Protein backbone atom coordinates (compact mmCIF):
# COMPACT_ATOMS: atom_id res chain seq x y z
CA MET A 1 0.00 0.00 0.00
CA GLN A 2 2.84 2.38 0.75
CA TYR A 3 4.19 1.87 -2.78
CA LEU A 4 0.76 2.59 -4.27
CA ALA A 5 0.43 5.76 -2.23
CA LYS A 6 3.85 6.95 -3.40
CA THR A 7 2.99 6.06 -7.00
CA GLU A 8 -0.31 7.92 -6.80
CA LYS A 9 1.45 10.95 -5.30
CA ALA A 10 4.08 10.85 -8.07
CA ALA A 11 1.30 10.56 -10.67
CA GLU A 12 -0.41 13.62 -9.20
CA GLN A 13 2.89 15.46 -9.58
CA GLY A 14 3.08 14.41 -13.23
CA ASP A 15 5.63 11.59 -13.06
CA PRO A 16 4.04 8.20 -12.28
CA PHE A 17 7.21 6.19 -12.91
CA ARG A 18 9.80 8.14 -10.94
CA ALA A 19 11.08 6.14 -8.01
CA SER A 20 10.68 7.94 -4.70
CA GLY A 21 13.25 5.67 -3.10
CA PRO A 22 15.75 2.99 -4.04
CA LEU A 23 14.67 0.28 -6.45
CA LEU A 24 15.68 -3.26 -5.53
CA LEU A 25 15.85 -5.65 -8.45
CA CYS A 26 16.73 -9.27 -7.67
CA THR A 27 17.65 -11.14 -10.83
CA SER A 28 18.36 -14.44 -9.06
CA GLY A 29 21.47 -15.00 -11.13
CA PRO A 30 22.63 -13.19 -14.24
CA ALA A 31 20.08 -10.65 -15.40
CA SER A 32 17.82 -11.52 -18.28
CA ALA A 33 17.64 -9.31 -21.35
CA ALA A 34 14.38 -7.91 -19.97
CA ALA A 35 16.00 -6.98 -16.64
CA LEU A 36 18.91 -5.29 -18.43
CA ARG A 37 16.49 -3.33 -20.62
CA LEU A 38 14.58 -2.24 -17.51
CA ILE A 39 17.81 -1.05 -15.86
CA ASP A 40 18.84 0.68 -19.11
CA ARG A 41 15.54 2.52 -19.32
CA TYR A 42 15.49 3.59 -15.69
CA LEU A 43 19.05 4.93 -15.93
CA GLN A 44 18.58 6.59 -19.34
CA GLU A 45 15.42 8.35 -18.22
CA ASN A 46 16.92 9.27 -14.83
CA LEU A 47 14.19 7.40 -13.01
CA LEU A 48 16.80 6.15 -10.54
CA SER A 49 19.54 7.86 -8.61
CA ASN A 50 22.82 8.39 -10.39
CA TYR A 51 24.18 4.92 -9.67
CA LEU A 52 23.47 1.25 -10.12
CA TYR A 53 24.73 -0.65 -7.08
CA TYR A 54 25.54 -4.33 -7.49
CA SER A 55 26.19 -6.90 -4.82
CA GLY A 56 26.92 -10.39 -6.04
CA ASP A 57 28.57 -13.60 -4.99
CA PHE A 58 32.34 -13.92 -4.98
CA ASP A 59 32.28 -16.81 -7.41
CA VAL A 60 33.03 -16.95 -11.12
CA LYS A 61 29.47 -16.16 -12.24
CA GLY A 62 28.95 -13.36 -9.70
CA ILE A 63 32.20 -11.65 -10.63
CA GLU A 64 31.61 -12.12 -14.36
CA PHE A 65 28.18 -10.55 -14.04
CA GLY A 66 29.60 -7.69 -11.98
CA ASN A 67 32.12 -7.07 -14.75
CA VAL A 68 29.35 -7.12 -17.38
CA LEU A 69 27.43 -4.48 -15.43
CA ALA A 70 30.57 -2.40 -14.81
CA TYR A 71 31.35 -2.41 -18.54
CA ARG A 72 27.76 -1.75 -19.57
CA TYR A 73 27.06 1.10 -17.13
CA GLY A 74 30.54 2.59 -16.76
CA ASN A 75 30.82 5.29 -14.12
CA ARG A 76 27.20 4.76 -13.06
CA PHE A 77 28.08 1.27 -11.76
CA LYS A 78 29.10 0.88 -8.12
CA GLY A 79 30.04 -2.41 -6.52
CA TRP A 80 28.33 -2.67 -3.11
CA ARG A 81 30.32 -4.78 -0.68
CA PHE A 82 31.87 -6.26 -3.78
CA GLY A 83 35.50 -5.23 -3.54
CA GLU A 84 38.72 -6.78 -2.40
CA ASP A 85 38.22 -5.69 1.22
CA SER A 86 34.81 -7.39 1.41
CA TYR A 87 36.28 -10.54 -0.12
CA LEU A 88 39.15 -10.64 2.36
CA THR A 89 36.76 -10.04 5.26
CA GLY A 90 34.71 -13.00 4.07
CA CYS A 91 37.85 -15.13 4.01
CA THR A 92 38.34 -14.63 7.73
CA ILE A 93 34.92 -16.01 8.65
CA ASN A 94 35.23 -19.44 10.22
CA LEU A 95 33.30 -22.05 8.27
CA PRO A 96 31.64 -25.03 9.94
CA ASN A 97 33.70 -28.22 9.84
CA GLU A 98 31.13 -29.97 7.69
CA VAL A 99 31.67 -27.58 4.76
CA VAL A 100 33.72 -29.37 2.11
CA PHE A 101 35.05 -27.66 -1.00
CA SER A 102 35.88 -29.41 -4.25
CA ASN A 103 39.33 -28.85 -5.77
CA GLU A 104 37.76 -26.45 -8.28
CA GLU A 105 36.05 -24.46 -5.52
CA ARG A 106 39.28 -24.29 -3.53
CA HIS A 107 41.12 -23.06 -6.59
CA GLN A 108 38.45 -20.46 -7.37
CA GLN A 109 38.17 -19.19 -3.80
CA THR A 110 41.85 -19.01 -2.89
CA ILE A 111 43.99 -15.96 -3.43
CA ASP A 112 47.66 -15.51 -2.70
CA ARG A 113 47.19 -13.59 0.55
CA PRO A 114 47.76 -14.77 4.09
CA GLY A 115 44.58 -15.91 5.78
CA CYS A 116 42.58 -16.87 2.72
CA ALA A 117 45.03 -19.39 1.36
CA GLY A 118 45.29 -21.17 4.71
CA LEU A 119 41.53 -21.26 5.07
CA TYR A 120 41.14 -23.43 2.01
CA GLY A 121 44.27 -25.50 2.60
CA GLN A 122 46.35 -24.60 -0.42
CA GLU A 123 48.56 -21.84 -1.72
CA SER A 124 47.56 -20.87 -5.22
CA ARG A 125 46.84 -17.74 -7.17
CA ASN A 126 43.21 -17.07 -7.83
CA LEU A 127 42.60 -15.37 -11.15
CA LEU A 128 39.40 -13.95 -9.69
CA ALA A 129 41.43 -11.56 -7.56
CA ALA A 130 42.22 -9.56 -10.68
CA LEU A 131 38.51 -9.33 -11.49
CA LEU A 132 37.34 -7.98 -8.16
CA LEU A 133 35.72 -4.60 -8.53
CA ASP A 134 36.80 -1.97 -6.07
């Protein structure tokens, strides 16, 4: 009901589609063409604030999608808790003993920094570190 009231108020002021607050769009994975077109339209018509904030998983797909959005939206893209510092903070969280990673997951999640490498039990360079958006 609150959304409808805001929409009605915006319509009375002549702009029924302008967001009166932040818009949260959950794509549940990489965005579809329709979701990207919606984001394009909202940004082109200034129906959103100046920036598109993205928070994704620190896995291959999440980082790839973050890079797609960064390339597509340029200086209007902002990674939200999606930089190197957030990744390293996540590496320090103790995982339950029952969590088991495959060799591929260990390779993807490990970077050559103290703390993270030891957490996953191997020293290797993670190519994802170069893709992290700061």
